[in-house]
């Protein structure tokens, strides 16, 4: 239901936020996990946002109020689909590293 990234350590634990510490969730009932292509912060629980993020590949209403949505894929969703369908190994990790080289936020 998602593609997760943003772990510069390569350990699965993620890294620090831009500020060097975890930051609070920012959720709103007006912004919903109701479609694919949403970008949101991954976390270990309430207000534990660091460097990890995910892209939804389907509606995920059970995540509502638990993760901060900060964007949406508006172009290039075909790349998301390629990452989604890449062969996976243990822990549902891609066999070959997948890298987002360039992304823009407006």
Protein backbone atom coordinates (compact mmCIF):
# COMPACT_ATOMS: atom_id res chain seq x y z
CA UNK A 1 0.00 0.00 0.00
CA UNK A 2 3.07 2.28 0.14
CA UNK A 3 6.64 2.82 -0.99
CA UNK A 4 8.86 3.98 1.87
CA UNK A 5 12.12 5.91 1.59
CA UNK A 6 14.24 8.57 3.20
CA UNK A 7 16.57 6.39 5.25
CA UNK A 8 20.09 7.78 4.73
CA UNK A 9 21.48 5.30 7.25
CA UNK A 10 20.36 2.24 5.28
CA UNK A 11 19.37 0.52 8.54
CA UNK A 12 15.60 0.83 8.27
CA UNK A 13 15.55 3.09 11.31
CA UNK A 14 15.71 6.35 9.36
CA UNK A 15 17.72 9.43 10.06
CA UNK A 16 17.33 12.80 11.65
CA UNK A 17 15.01 15.47 10.39
CA UNK A 18 16.37 18.65 8.85
CA UNK A 19 16.27 20.17 12.35
CA UNK A 20 18.22 17.32 13.95
CA UNK A 21 15.35 16.04 16.09
CA UNK A 22 11.89 14.47 15.75
CA UNK A 23 9.05 16.85 14.97
CA UNK A 24 5.33 16.86 15.68
CA UNK A 25 2.62 15.46 13.44
CA UNK A 26 0.54 17.94 11.47
CA UNK A 27 -2.79 16.39 10.52
CA UNK A 28 -6.11 17.79 9.37
CA UNK A 29 -9.49 16.17 8.71
CA UNK A 30 -9.53 18.15 5.44
CA UNK A 31 -6.46 16.32 4.08
CA UNK A 32 -7.27 12.63 3.70
CA UNK A 33 -5.53 9.40 2.75
CA UNK A 34 -8.16 8.83 0.07
CA UNK A 35 -6.05 8.25 -3.07
CA UNK A 36 -2.79 6.96 -4.40
CA UNK A 37 0.20 9.23 -4.90
CA UNK A 38 0.19 11.01 -1.54
CA UNK A 39 3.51 11.81 0.18
CA UNK A 40 3.52 11.53 3.95
CA UNK A 41 5.92 11.23 6.86
CA UNK A 42 6.71 7.76 8.20
CA UNK A 43 7.05 7.56 11.97
CA UNK A 44 7.45 5.27 14.97
CA UNK A 45 4.42 6.70 16.75
CA UNK A 46 2.90 10.09 17.52
CA UNK A 47 5.21 13.05 16.78
CA UNK A 48 8.27 10.95 15.90
CA UNK A 49 8.82 12.28 12.37
CA UNK A 50 12.42 12.21 11.18
CA UNK A 51 13.71 11.66 7.64
CA UNK A 52 11.54 8.80 6.40
CA UNK A 53 8.56 9.33 4.14
CA UNK A 54 6.25 7.21 2.03
CA UNK A 55 4.21 7.43 -1.15
CA UNK A 56 0.80 5.76 -1.14
CA UNK A 57 0.00 3.41 -4.01
CA UNK A 58 -3.65 2.99 -2.96
CA UNK A 59 -6.13 4.75 -0.66
CA UNK A 60 -5.05 4.17 2.97
CA UNK A 61 -7.81 5.53 5.26
CA UNK A 62 -6.47 3.66 8.32
CA UNK A 63 -3.48 6.06 8.31
CA UNK A 64 -5.70 9.14 8.81
CA UNK A 65 -4.61 11.22 11.79
CA UNK A 66 -1.44 9.15 12.29
CA UNK A 67 0.86 10.53 9.57
CA UNK A 68 1.51 14.00 8.17
CA UNK A 69 0.59 14.34 4.49
CA UNK A 70 2.89 16.90 2.90
CA UNK A 71 2.49 16.43 -0.84
CA UNK A 72 1.16 14.55 -3.83
CA UNK A 73 2.73 13.08 -6.96
CA UNK A 74 1.35 15.27 -9.74
CA UNK A 75 3.62 14.10 -12.57
CA UNK A 76 5.67 10.98 -13.08
CA UNK A 77 3.39 8.50 -11.33
CA UNK A 78 4.64 5.93 -13.85
CA UNK A 79 7.97 6.04 -11.96
CA UNK A 80 6.13 5.26 -8.70
CA UNK A 81 4.49 2.28 -10.43
CA UNK A 82 7.90 1.03 -11.64
CA UNK A 83 9.28 1.20 -8.09
CA UNK A 84 6.14 -0.52 -6.77
CA UNK A 85 6.50 -3.46 -9.17
CA UNK A 86 10.27 -3.95 -8.84
CA UNK A 87 11.28 -7.43 -7.59
CA UNK A 88 11.51 -7.61 -3.80
CA UNK A 89 13.50 -9.71 -1.36
CA UNK A 90 13.36 -10.27 2.41
CA UNK A 91 11.48 -7.64 4.39
CA UNK A 92 9.71 -6.51 1.20
CA UNK A 93 12.83 -4.52 0.26
CA UNK A 94 13.67 -4.10 -3.44
CA UNK A 95 16.40 -6.45 -4.61
CA UNK A 96 18.07 -3.54 -6.41
CA UNK A 97 18.35 -0.14 -4.73
CA UNK A 98 15.75 2.36 -5.91
CA UNK A 99 16.76 6.03 -5.83
CA UNK A 100 14.81 9.22 -6.28
CA UNK A 101 17.39 11.47 -7.88
CA UNK A 102 15.28 14.59 -8.29
CA UNK A 103 11.97 15.71 -6.81
CA UNK A 104 10.35 19.11 -6.48
CA UNK A 105 8.00 20.46 -3.86
CA UNK A 106 5.88 23.53 -4.52
